[in-house]
Amino acid sequence: VGDPVVITAQPQAVTVAAGEVATFTVEATNAYAYQWQYQNTTSTKWGNTSADGNQTATLNVTTKASNNGYKYRCVIYGLDGNEYITEYAVLTVG
């Protein structure tokens, strides 16, 4: 089957000014695919983001003031066929 994913570095909170790029990264072993997700401040649901790098280990989000407080996490697909979800990181824009 394959070894399970081991997340060796979780995404970290980022603070940027509006219009700047916020970068979130994850490090994991035994991963074959990534999908970054976000949650806005008025929802409890997670949705896939289309920001640059959304299917890689590094997500780059060009921010707007309205993104303040958004949460980002990564779903990691393992070689063992399972999905692993990172902790979330909060984006502060201001």
PDB file of N, CA and C in Angstrom:
ATOM      1  N   VAL A   1       0.841  -1.194   0.000  1.00  0.00           N
ATOM      2  CA  VAL A   1       0.000   0.000   0.000  1.00  0.00           C
ATOM      3  C   VAL A   1       0.875   1.243   0.000  1.00  0.00           C
ATOM      4  N   GLY A   2       1.558   1.556   1.034  1.00  0.00           N
ATOM      5  CA  GLY A   2       2.384   2.758   1.112  1.00  0.00           C
ATOM      6  C   GLY A   2       2.442   3.254   2.534  1.00  0.00           C
ATOM      7  N   ASP A   3       3.469   4.001   2.817  1.00  0.00           N
ATOM      8  CA  ASP A   3       3.628   4.545   4.160  1.00  0.00           C
ATOM      9  C   ASP A   3       2.706   5.734   4.363  1.00  0.00           C
ATOM     10  N   PRO A   4       2.269   5.953   5.596  1.00  0.00           N
ATOM     11  CA  PRO A   4       1.399   7.105   5.860  1.00  0.00           C
ATOM     12  C   PRO A   4       2.157   8.423   5.735  1.00  0.00           C
ATOM     13  N   VAL A   5       1.392   9.474   5.488  1.00  0.00           N
ATOM     14  CA  VAL A   5       1.961  10.819   5.434  1.00  0.00           C
ATOM     15  C   VAL A   5       2.397  11.228   6.838  1.00  0.00           C
ATOM     16  N   VAL A   6       3.553  11.849   6.900  1.00  0.00           N
ATOM     17  CA  VAL A   6       4.014  12.460   8.145  1.00  0.00           C
ATOM     18  C   VAL A   6       4.181  13.950   7.870  1.00  0.00           C
ATOM     19  N   ILE A   7       3.376  14.762   8.550  1.00  0.00           N
ATOM     20  CA  ILE A   7       3.467  16.212   8.382  1.00  0.00           C
ATOM     21  C   ILE A   7       4.591  16.699   9.294  1.00  0.00           C
ATOM     22  N   THR A   8       5.647  17.218   8.676  1.00  0.00           N
ATOM     23  CA  THR A   8       6.818  17.632   9.446  1.00  0.00           C
ATOM     24  C   THR A   8       6.843  19.128   9.723  1.00  0.00           C
ATOM     25  N   ALA A   9       6.041  19.909   9.006  1.00  0.00           N
ATOM     26  CA  ALA A   9       5.918  21.350   9.269  1.00  0.00           C
ATOM     27  C   ALA A   9       4.510  21.797   8.905  1.00  0.00           C
ATOM     28  N   GLN A  10       3.821  22.363   9.873  1.00  0.00           N
ATOM     29  CA  GLN A  10       2.450  22.847   9.685  1.00  0.00           C
ATOM     30  C   GLN A  10       2.468  24.261   9.105  1.00  0.00           C
ATOM     31  N   PRO A  11       1.392  24.660   8.413  1.00  0.00           N
ATOM     32  CA  PRO A  11       1.284  26.053   7.970  1.00  0.00           C
ATOM     33  C   PRO A  11       1.279  26.991   9.180  1.00  0.00           C
ATOM     34  N   GLN A  12       1.874  28.163   8.995  1.00  0.00           N
ATOM     35  CA  GLN A  12       1.979  29.136  10.082  1.00  0.00           C
ATOM     36  C   GLN A  12       1.174  30.385   9.744  1.00  0.00           C
ATOM     37  N   ALA A  13       0.699  31.067  10.784  1.00  0.00           N
ATOM     38  CA  ALA A  13      -0.048  32.315  10.610  1.00  0.00           C
ATOM     39  C   ALA A  13       0.811  33.344   9.874  1.00  0.00           C
ATOM     40  N   VAL A  14       0.141  34.167   9.057  1.00  0.00           N
ATOM     41  CA  VAL A  14       0.829  35.179   8.264  1.00  0.00           C
ATOM     42  C   VAL A  14       0.123  36.522   8.462  1.00  0.00           C
ATOM     43  N   THR A  15       0.917  37.591   8.586  1.00  0.00           N
ATOM     44  CA  THR A  15       0.393  38.946   8.648  1.00  0.00           C
ATOM     45  C   THR A  15       1.011  39.751   7.514  1.00  0.00           C
ATOM     46  N   VAL A  16       0.168  40.333   6.670  1.00  0.00           N
ATOM     47  CA  VAL A  16       0.634  41.140   5.538  1.00  0.00           C
ATOM     48  C   VAL A  16      -0.292  42.339   5.367  1.00  0.00           C
ATOM     49  N   ALA A  17       0.163  43.299   4.581  1.00  0.00           N
ATOM     50  CA  ALA A  17      -0.680  44.426   4.206  1.00  0.00           C
ATOM     51  C   ALA A  17      -1.542  44.019   3.008  1.00  0.00           C
ATOM     52  N   ALA A  18      -2.689  44.667   2.842  1.00  0.00           N
ATOM     53  CA  ALA A  18      -3.557  44.389   1.699  1.00  0.00           C
ATOM     54  C   ALA A  18      -2.777  44.603   0.404  1.00  0.00           C
ATOM     55  N   GLY A  19      -2.956  43.688  -0.531  1.00  0.00           N
ATOM     56  CA  GLY A  19      -2.266  43.763  -1.808  1.00  0.00           C
ATOM     57  C   GLY A  19      -0.964  42.992  -1.844  1.00  0.00           C
ATOM     58  N   GLU A  20      -0.448  42.605  -0.673  1.00  0.00           N
ATOM     59  CA  GLU A  20       0.765  41.802  -0.621  1.00  0.00           C
ATOM     60  C   GLU A  20       0.421  40.325  -0.741  1.00  0.00           C
ATOM     61  N   VAL A  21       1.441  39.525  -0.977  1.00  0.00           N
ATOM     62  CA  VAL A  21       1.254  38.086  -1.109  1.00  0.00           C
ATOM     63  C   VAL A  21       1.549  37.407   0.223  1.00  0.00           C
ATOM     64  N   ALA A  22       0.611  36.628   0.690  1.00  0.00           N
ATOM     65  CA  ALA A  22       0.792  35.810   1.890  1.00  0.00           C
ATOM     66  C   ALA A  22       1.178  34.405   1.446  1.00  0.00           C
ATOM     67  N   THR A  23       2.201  33.855   2.056  1.00  0.00           N
ATOM     68  CA  THR A  23       2.679  32.528   1.680  1.00  0.00           C
ATOM     69  C   THR A  23       2.486  31.552   2.832  1.00  0.00           C
ATOM     70  N   PHE A  24       1.838  30.454   2.522  1.00  0.00           N
ATOM     71  CA  PHE A  24       1.648  29.369   3.483  1.00  0.00           C
ATOM     72  C   PHE A  24       2.364  28.138   2.943  1.00  0.00           C
ATOM     73  N   THR A  25       3.058  27.422   3.818  1.00  0.00           N
ATOM     74  CA  THR A  25       3.767  26.222   3.373  1.00  0.00           C
ATOM     75  C   THR A  25       3.482  25.066   4.311  1.00  0.00           C
ATOM     76  N   VAL A  26       3.627  23.884   3.757  1.00  0.00           N
ATOM     77  CA  VAL A  26       3.518  22.656   4.537  1.00  0.00           C
ATOM     78  C   VAL A  26       4.650  21.743   4.078  1.00  0.00           C
ATOM     79  N   GLU A  27       5.152  20.952   5.005  1.00  0.00           N
ATOM     80  CA  GLU A  27       6.154  19.952   4.651  1.00  0.00           C
ATOM     81  C   GLU A  27       5.641  18.601   5.116  1.00  0.00           C
ATOM     82  N   ALA A  28       5.744  17.623   4.217  1.00  0.00           N
ATOM     83  CA  ALA A  28       5.246  16.291   4.544  1.00  0.00           C
ATOM     84  C   ALA A  28       6.016  15.240   3.762  1.00  0.00           C
ATOM     85  N   THR A  29       6.149  14.085   4.373  1.00  0.00           N
ATOM     86  CA  THR A  29       6.751  12.952   3.678  1.00  0.00           C
ATOM     87  C   THR A  29       5.639  12.009   3.220  1.00  0.00           C
ATOM     88  N   ASN A  30       5.908  11.244   2.179  1.00  0.00           N
ATOM     89  CA  ASN A  30       4.983  10.246   1.625  1.00  0.00           C
ATOM     90  C   ASN A  30       3.705  10.862   1.063  1.00  0.00           C
ATOM     91  N   ALA A  31       3.804  12.120   0.600  1.00  0.00           N
ATOM     92  CA  ALA A  31       2.665  12.802  -0.007  1.00  0.00           C
ATOM     93  C   ALA A  31       2.786  12.731  -1.525  1.00  0.00           C
ATOM     94  N   TYR A  32       1.651  12.580  -2.198  1.00  0.00           N
ATOM     95  CA  TYR A  32       1.695  12.615  -3.666  1.00  0.00           C
ATOM     96  C   TYR A  32       0.887  13.765  -4.248  1.00  0.00           C
ATOM     97  N   ALA A  33       0.023  14.391  -3.432  1.00  0.00           N
ATOM     98  CA  ALA A  33      -0.766  15.513  -3.938  1.00  0.00           C
ATOM     99  C   ALA A  33      -1.201  16.393  -2.774  1.00  0.00           C
ATOM    100  N   TYR A  34      -1.465  17.657  -3.119  1.00  0.00           N
ATOM    101  CA  TYR A  34      -1.870  18.649  -2.128  1.00  0.00           C
ATOM    102  C   TYR A  34      -3.092  19.405  -2.654  1.00  0.00           C
ATOM    103  N   GLN A  35      -3.941  19.851  -1.729  1.00  0.00           N
ATOM    104  CA  GLN A  35      -5.032  20.756  -2.073  1.00  0.00           C
ATOM    105  C   GLN A  35      -5.240  21.714  -0.915  1.00  0.00           C
ATOM    106  N   TRP A  36      -4.946  22.983  -1.155  1.00  0.00           N
ATOM    107  CA  TRP A  36      -5.161  23.993  -0.121  1.00  0.00           C
ATOM    108  C   TRP A  36      -6.624  24.391  -0.073  1.00  0.00           C
ATOM    109  N   GLN A  37      -7.089  24.650   1.143  1.00  0.00           N
ATOM    110  CA  GLN A  37      -8.462  25.068   1.368  1.00  0.00           C
ATOM    111  C   GLN A  37      -8.483  26.320   2.235  1.00  0.00           C
ATOM    112  N   TYR A  38      -9.588  27.044   2.163  1.00  0.00           N
ATOM    113  CA  TYR A  38      -9.753  28.230   3.002  1.00  0.00           C
ATOM    114  C   TYR A  38     -11.135  28.226   3.627  1.00  0.00           C
ATOM    115  N   GLN A  39     -11.237  29.007   4.693  1.00  0.00           N
ATOM    116  CA  GLN A  39     -12.517  29.221   5.360  1.00  0.00           C
ATOM    117  C   GLN A  39     -12.609  30.714   5.636  1.00  0.00           C
ATOM    118  N   ASN A  40     -13.697  31.342   5.155  1.00  0.00           N
ATOM    119  CA  ASN A  40     -13.825  32.779   5.426  1.00  0.00           C
ATOM    120  C   ASN A  40     -14.406  33.004   6.811  1.00  0.00           C
ATOM    121  N   THR A  41     -14.483  34.239   7.206  1.00  0.00           N
ATOM    122  CA  THR A  41     -14.860  34.554   8.581  1.00  0.00           C
ATOM    123  C   THR A  41     -16.348  34.380   8.870  1.00  0.00           C
ATOM    124  N   THR A  42     -17.159  34.201   7.841  1.00  0.00           N
ATOM    125  CA  THR A  42     -18.600  34.072   8.056  1.00  0.00           C
ATOM    126  C   THR A  42     -19.102  32.659   7.817  1.00  0.00           C
ATOM    127  N   SER A  43     -18.181  31.701   7.676  1.00  0.00           N
ATOM    128  CA  SER A  43     -18.580  30.345   7.345  1.00  0.00           C
ATOM    129  C   SER A  43     -17.854  29.335   8.233  1.00  0.00           C
ATOM    130  N   THR A  44     -18.455  28.183   8.361  1.00  0.00           N
ATOM    131  CA  THR A  44     -17.789  27.075   9.047  1.00  0.00           C
ATOM    132  C   THR A  44     -17.344  26.018   8.041  1.00  0.00           C
ATOM    133  N   LYS A  45     -17.596  26.284   6.759  1.00  0.00           N
ATOM    134  CA  LYS A  45     -17.257  25.320   5.713  1.00  0.00           C
ATOM    135  C   LYS A  45     -15.905  25.654   5.090  1.00  0.00           C
ATOM    136  N   TRP A  46     -15.216  24.613   4.671  1.00  0.00           N
ATOM    137  CA  TRP A  46     -13.942  24.757   3.968  1.00  0.00           C
ATOM    138  C   TRP A  46     -14.174  24.597   2.484  1.00  0.00           C
ATOM    139  N   GLY A  47     -13.495  25.415   1.686  1.00  0.00           N
ATOM    140  CA  GLY A  47     -13.584  25.310   0.232  1.00  0.00           C
ATOM    141  C   GLY A  47     -12.198  25.317  -0.369  1.00  0.00           C
ATOM    142  N   ASN A  48     -12.052  24.677  -1.506  1.00  0.00           N
ATOM    143  CA  ASN A  48     -10.761  24.674  -2.190  1.00  0.00           C
ATOM    144  C   ASN A  48     -10.441  26.069  -2.708  1.00  0.00           C
ATOM    145  N   THR A  49      -9.210  26.499  -2.539  1.00  0.00           N
ATOM    146  CA  THR A  49      -8.786  27.790  -3.066  1.00  0.00           C
ATOM    147  C   THR A  49      -8.169  27.605  -4.452  1.00  0.00           C
ATOM    148  N   SER A  50      -8.296  28.636  -5.265  1.00  0.00           N
ATOM    149  CA  SER A  50      -7.683  28.614  -6.602  1.00  0.00           C
ATOM    150  C   SER A  50      -6.453  29.511  -6.649  1.00  0.00           C
ATOM    151  N   ALA A  51      -5.980  29.950  -5.474  1.00  0.00           N
ATOM    152  CA  ALA A  51      -4.804  30.825  -5.415  1.00  0.00           C
ATOM    153  C   ALA A  51      -3.573  30.096  -5.966  1.00  0.00           C
ATOM    154  N   ASP A  52      -2.565  30.880  -6.304  1.00  0.00           N
ATOM    155  CA  ASP A  52      -1.334  30.337  -6.881  1.00  0.00           C
ATOM    156  C   ASP A  52      -0.722  29.272  -5.976  1.00  0.00           C
ATOM    157  N   GLY A  53      -0.429  28.108  -6.544  1.00  0.00           N
ATOM    158  CA  GLY A  53       0.188  27.029  -5.788  1.00  0.00           C
ATOM    159  C   GLY A  53      -0.790  26.181  -5.010  1.00  0.00           C
ATOM    160  N   ASN A  54      -2.086  26.293  -5.340  1.00  0.00           N
ATOM    161  CA  ASN A  54      -3.113  25.616  -4.542  1.00  0.00           C
ATOM    162  C   ASN A  54      -2.999  24.092  -4.540  1.00  0.00           C
ATOM    163  N   GLN A  55      -2.230  23.528  -5.456  1.00  0.00           N
ATOM    164  CA  GLN A  55      -2.051  22.066  -5.464  1.00  0.00           C
ATOM    165  C   GLN A  55      -0.578  21.697  -5.297  1.00  0.00           C
ATOM    166  N   THR A  56       0.139  22.543  -4.544  1.00  0.00           N
ATOM    167  CA  THR A  56       1.541  22.300  -4.229  1.00  0.00           C
ATOM    168  C   THR A  56       1.725  22.459  -2.718  1.00  0.00           C
ATOM    169  N   ALA A  57       2.948  22.307  -2.252  1.00  0.00           N
ATOM    170  CA  ALA A  57       3.225  22.452  -0.824  1.00  0.00           C
ATOM    171  C   ALA A  57       3.298  23.911  -0.390  1.00  0.00           C
ATOM    172  N   THR A  58       3.283  24.840  -1.347  1.00  0.00           N
ATOM    173  CA  THR A  58       3.381  26.268  -1.029  1.00  0.00           C
ATOM    174  C   THR A  58       2.243  27.031  -1.700  1.00  0.00           C
ATOM    175  N   LEU A  59       1.448  27.704  -0.888  1.00  0.00           N
ATOM    176  CA  LEU A  59       0.320  28.500  -1.376  1.00  0.00           C
ATOM    177  C   LEU A  59       0.673  29.975  -1.283  1.00  0.00           C
ATOM    178  N   ASN A  60       0.412  30.722  -2.360  1.00  0.00           N
ATOM    179  CA  ASN A  60       0.634  32.164  -2.391  1.00  0.00           C
ATOM    180  C   ASN A  60      -0.690  32.867  -2.652  1.00  0.00           C
ATOM    181  N   VAL A  61      -1.137  33.643  -1.681  1.00  0.00           N
ATOM    182  CA  VAL A  61      -2.422  34.325  -1.761  1.00  0.00           C
ATOM    183  C   VAL A  61      -2.186  35.823  -1.884  1.00  0.00           C
ATOM    184  N   THR A  62      -2.643  36.419  -2.968  1.00  0.00           N
ATOM    185  CA  THR A  62      -2.614  37.873  -3.094  1.00  0.00           C
ATOM    186  C   THR A  62      -3.793  38.405  -2.298  1.00  0.00           C
ATOM    187  N   THR A  63      -3.514  39.183  -1.274  1.00  0.00           N
ATOM    188  CA  THR A  63      -4.529  39.511  -0.284  1.00  0.00           C
ATOM    189  C   THR A  63      -5.310  40.779  -0.593  1.00  0.00           C
ATOM    190  N   LYS A  64      -6.509  40.798  -0.034  1.00  0.00           N
ATOM    191  CA  LYS A  64      -7.370  41.973  -0.009  1.00  0.00           C
ATOM    192  C   LYS A  64      -7.733  42.200   1.458  1.00  0.00           C
ATOM    193  N   ALA A  65      -8.148  43.399   1.786  1.00  0.00           N
ATOM    194  CA  ALA A  65      -8.535  43.682   3.175  1.00  0.00           C
ATOM    195  C   ALA A  65      -9.635  42.730   3.642  1.00  0.00           C
ATOM    196  N   SER A  66     -10.509  42.332   2.721  1.00  0.00           N
ATOM    197  CA  SER A  66     -11.622  41.450   3.086  1.00  0.00           C
ATOM    198  C   SER A  66     -11.166  40.024   3.432  1.00  0.00           C
ATOM    199  N   ASN A  67      -9.897  39.703   3.155  1.00  0.00           N
ATOM    200  CA  ASN A  67      -9.373  38.378   3.507  1.00  0.00           C
ATOM    201  C   ASN A  67      -8.945  38.282   4.972  1.00  0.00           C
ATOM    202  N   ASN A  68      -8.989  39.390   5.685  1.00  0.00           N
ATOM    203  CA  ASN A  68      -8.543  39.389   7.077  1.00  0.00           C
ATOM    204  C   ASN A  68      -9.311  38.353   7.890  1.00  0.00           C
ATOM    205  N   GLY A  69      -8.585  37.496   8.576  1.00  0.00           N
ATOM    206  CA  GLY A  69      -9.209  36.480   9.411  1.00  0.00           C
ATOM    207  C   GLY A  69      -9.473  35.162   8.714  1.00  0.00           C
ATOM    208  N   TYR A  70      -9.209  35.086   7.417  1.00  0.00           N
ATOM    209  CA  TYR A  70      -9.403  33.819   6.712  1.00  0.00           C
ATOM    210  C   TYR A  70      -8.465  32.768   7.293  1.00  0.00           C
ATOM    211  N   LYS A  71      -8.920  31.524   7.251  1.00  0.00           N
ATOM    212  CA  LYS A  71      -8.098  30.397   7.698  1.00  0.00           C
ATOM    213  C   LYS A  71      -7.707  29.573   6.478  1.00  0.00           C
ATOM    214  N   TYR A  72      -6.487  29.047   6.505  1.00  0.00           N
ATOM    215  CA  TYR A  72      -5.982  28.207   5.410  1.00  0.00           C
ATOM    216  C   TYR A  72      -5.439  26.912   5.980  1.00  0.00           C
ATOM    217  N   ARG A  73      -5.726  25.824   5.280  1.00  0.00           N
ATOM    218  CA  ARG A  73      -5.196  24.518   5.644  1.00  0.00           C
ATOM    219  C   ARG A  73      -4.922  23.743   4.366  1.00  0.00           C
ATOM    220  N   CYS A  74      -4.206  22.638   4.504  1.00  0.00           N
ATOM    221  CA  CYS A  74      -3.884  21.834   3.334  1.00  0.00           C
ATOM    222  C   CYS A  74      -4.339  20.401   3.540  1.00  0.00           C
ATOM    223  N   VAL A  75      -5.006  19.863   2.528  1.00  0.00           N
ATOM    224  CA  VAL A  75      -5.341  18.445   2.497  1.00  0.00           C
ATOM    225  C   VAL A  75      -4.217  17.757   1.730  1.00  0.00           C
ATOM    226  N   ILE A  76      -3.604  16.791   2.361  1.00  0.00           N
ATOM    227  CA  ILE A  76      -2.483  16.077   1.758  1.00  0.00           C
ATOM    228  C   ILE A  76      -2.937  14.660   1.447  1.00  0.00           C
ATOM    229  N   TYR A  77      -2.706  14.256   0.221  1.00  0.00           N
ATOM    230  CA  TYR A  77      -3.084  12.919  -0.214  1.00  0.00           C
ATOM    231  C   TYR A  77      -1.851  12.029  -0.141  1.00  0.00           C
ATOM    232  N   GLY A  78      -1.984  10.948   0.607  1.00  0.00           N
ATOM    233  CA  GLY A  78      -0.838  10.090   0.864  1.00  0.00           C
ATOM    234  C   GLY A  78      -0.700   8.939  -0.112  1.00  0.00           C
ATOM    235  N   LEU A  79       0.514   8.425  -0.171  1.00  0.00           N
ATOM    236  CA  LEU A  79       0.785   7.245  -0.996  1.00  0.00           C
ATOM    237  C   LEU A  79       0.028   6.028  -0.487  1.00  0.00           C
ATOM    238  N   ASP A  80      -0.446   6.095   0.764  1.00  0.00           N
ATOM    239  CA  ASP A  80      -1.219   4.997   1.346  1.00  0.00           C
ATOM    240  C   ASP A  80      -2.710   5.087   1.004  1.00  0.00           C
ATOM    241  N   GLY A  81      -3.102   6.098   0.218  1.00  0.00           N
ATOM    242  CA  GLY A  81      -4.497   6.236  -0.188  1.00  0.00           C
ATOM    243  C   GLY A  81      -5.358   7.038   0.768  1.00  0.00           C
ATOM    244  N   ASN A  82      -4.779   7.547   1.834  1.00  0.00           N
ATOM    245  CA  ASN A  82      -5.537   8.319   2.815  1.00  0.00           C
ATOM    246  C   ASN A  82      -5.332   9.817   2.621  1.00  0.00           C
ATOM    247  N   GLU A  83      -6.243  10.585   3.218  1.00  0.00           N
ATOM    248  CA  GLU A  83      -6.130  12.040   3.224  1.00  0.00           C
ATOM    249  C   GLU A  83      -5.720  12.487   4.618  1.00  0.00           C
ATOM    250  N   TYR A  84      -4.847  13.478   4.653  1.00  0.00           N
ATOM    251  CA  TYR A  84      -4.364  14.040   5.906  1.00  0.00           C
ATOM    252  C   TYR A  84      -4.586  15.545   5.843  1.00  0.00           C
ATOM    253  N   ILE A  85      -5.077  16.114   6.924  1.00  0.00           N
ATOM    254  CA  ILE A  85      -5.389  17.540   6.935  1.00  0.00           C
ATOM    255  C   ILE A  85      -4.498  18.227   7.960  1.00  0.00           C
ATOM    256  N   THR A  86      -3.855  19.309   7.529  1.00  0.00           N
ATOM    257  CA  THR A  86      -2.997  20.062   8.428  1.00  0.00           C
ATOM    258  C   THR A  86      -3.833  20.860   9.421  1.00  0.00           C
ATOM    259  N   GLU A  87      -3.144  21.424  10.395  1.00  0.00           N
ATOM    260  CA  GLU A  87      -3.761  22.430  11.241  1.00  0.00           C
ATOM    261  C   GLU A  87      -4.020  23.653  10.356  1.00  0.00           C
ATOM    262  N   TYR A  88      -4.895  24.534  10.790  1.00  0.00           N
ATOM    263  CA  TYR A  88      -5.128  25.736   9.990  1.00  0.00           C
ATOM    264  C   TYR A  88      -4.236  26.885  10.462  1.00  0.00           C
ATOM    265  N   ALA A  89      -3.989  27.796   9.538  1.00  0.00           N
ATOM    266  CA  ALA A  89      -3.225  29.005   9.836  1.00  0.00           C
ATOM    267  C   ALA A  89      -4.100  30.206   9.505  1.00  0.00           C
ATOM    268  N   VAL A  90      -4.014  31.244  10.316  1.00  0.00           N
ATOM    269  CA  VAL A  90      -4.859  32.419  10.146  1.00  0.00           C
ATOM    270  C   VAL A  90      -4.096  33.500   9.371  1.00  0.00           C
ATOM    271  N   LEU A  91      -4.790  34.108   8.427  1.00  0.00           N
ATOM    272  CA  LEU A  91      -4.257  35.234   7.656  1.00  0.00           C
ATOM    273  C   LEU A  91      -4.752  36.532   8.291  1.00  0.00           C
ATOM    274  N   THR A  92      -3.819  37.404   8.637  1.00  0.00           N
ATOM    275  CA  THR A  92      -4.150  38.732   9.131  1.00  0.00           C
ATOM    276  C   THR A  92      -3.740  39.737   8.083  1.00  0.00           C
ATOM    277  N   VAL A  93      -4.704  40.550   7.633  1.00  0.00           N
ATOM    278  CA  VAL A  93      -4.435  41.577   6.631  1.00  0.00           C
ATOM    279  C   VAL A  93      -4.645  42.936   7.294  1.00  0.00           C
ATOM    280  N   GLY A  94      -3.598  43.719   7.344  1.00  0.00           N
ATOM    281  CA  GLY A  94      -3.749  45.017   7.974  1.00  0.00           C
ATOM    282  C   GLY A  94      -2.410  45.660   8.272  1.00  0.00           C
TER     283      GLY A  94
END
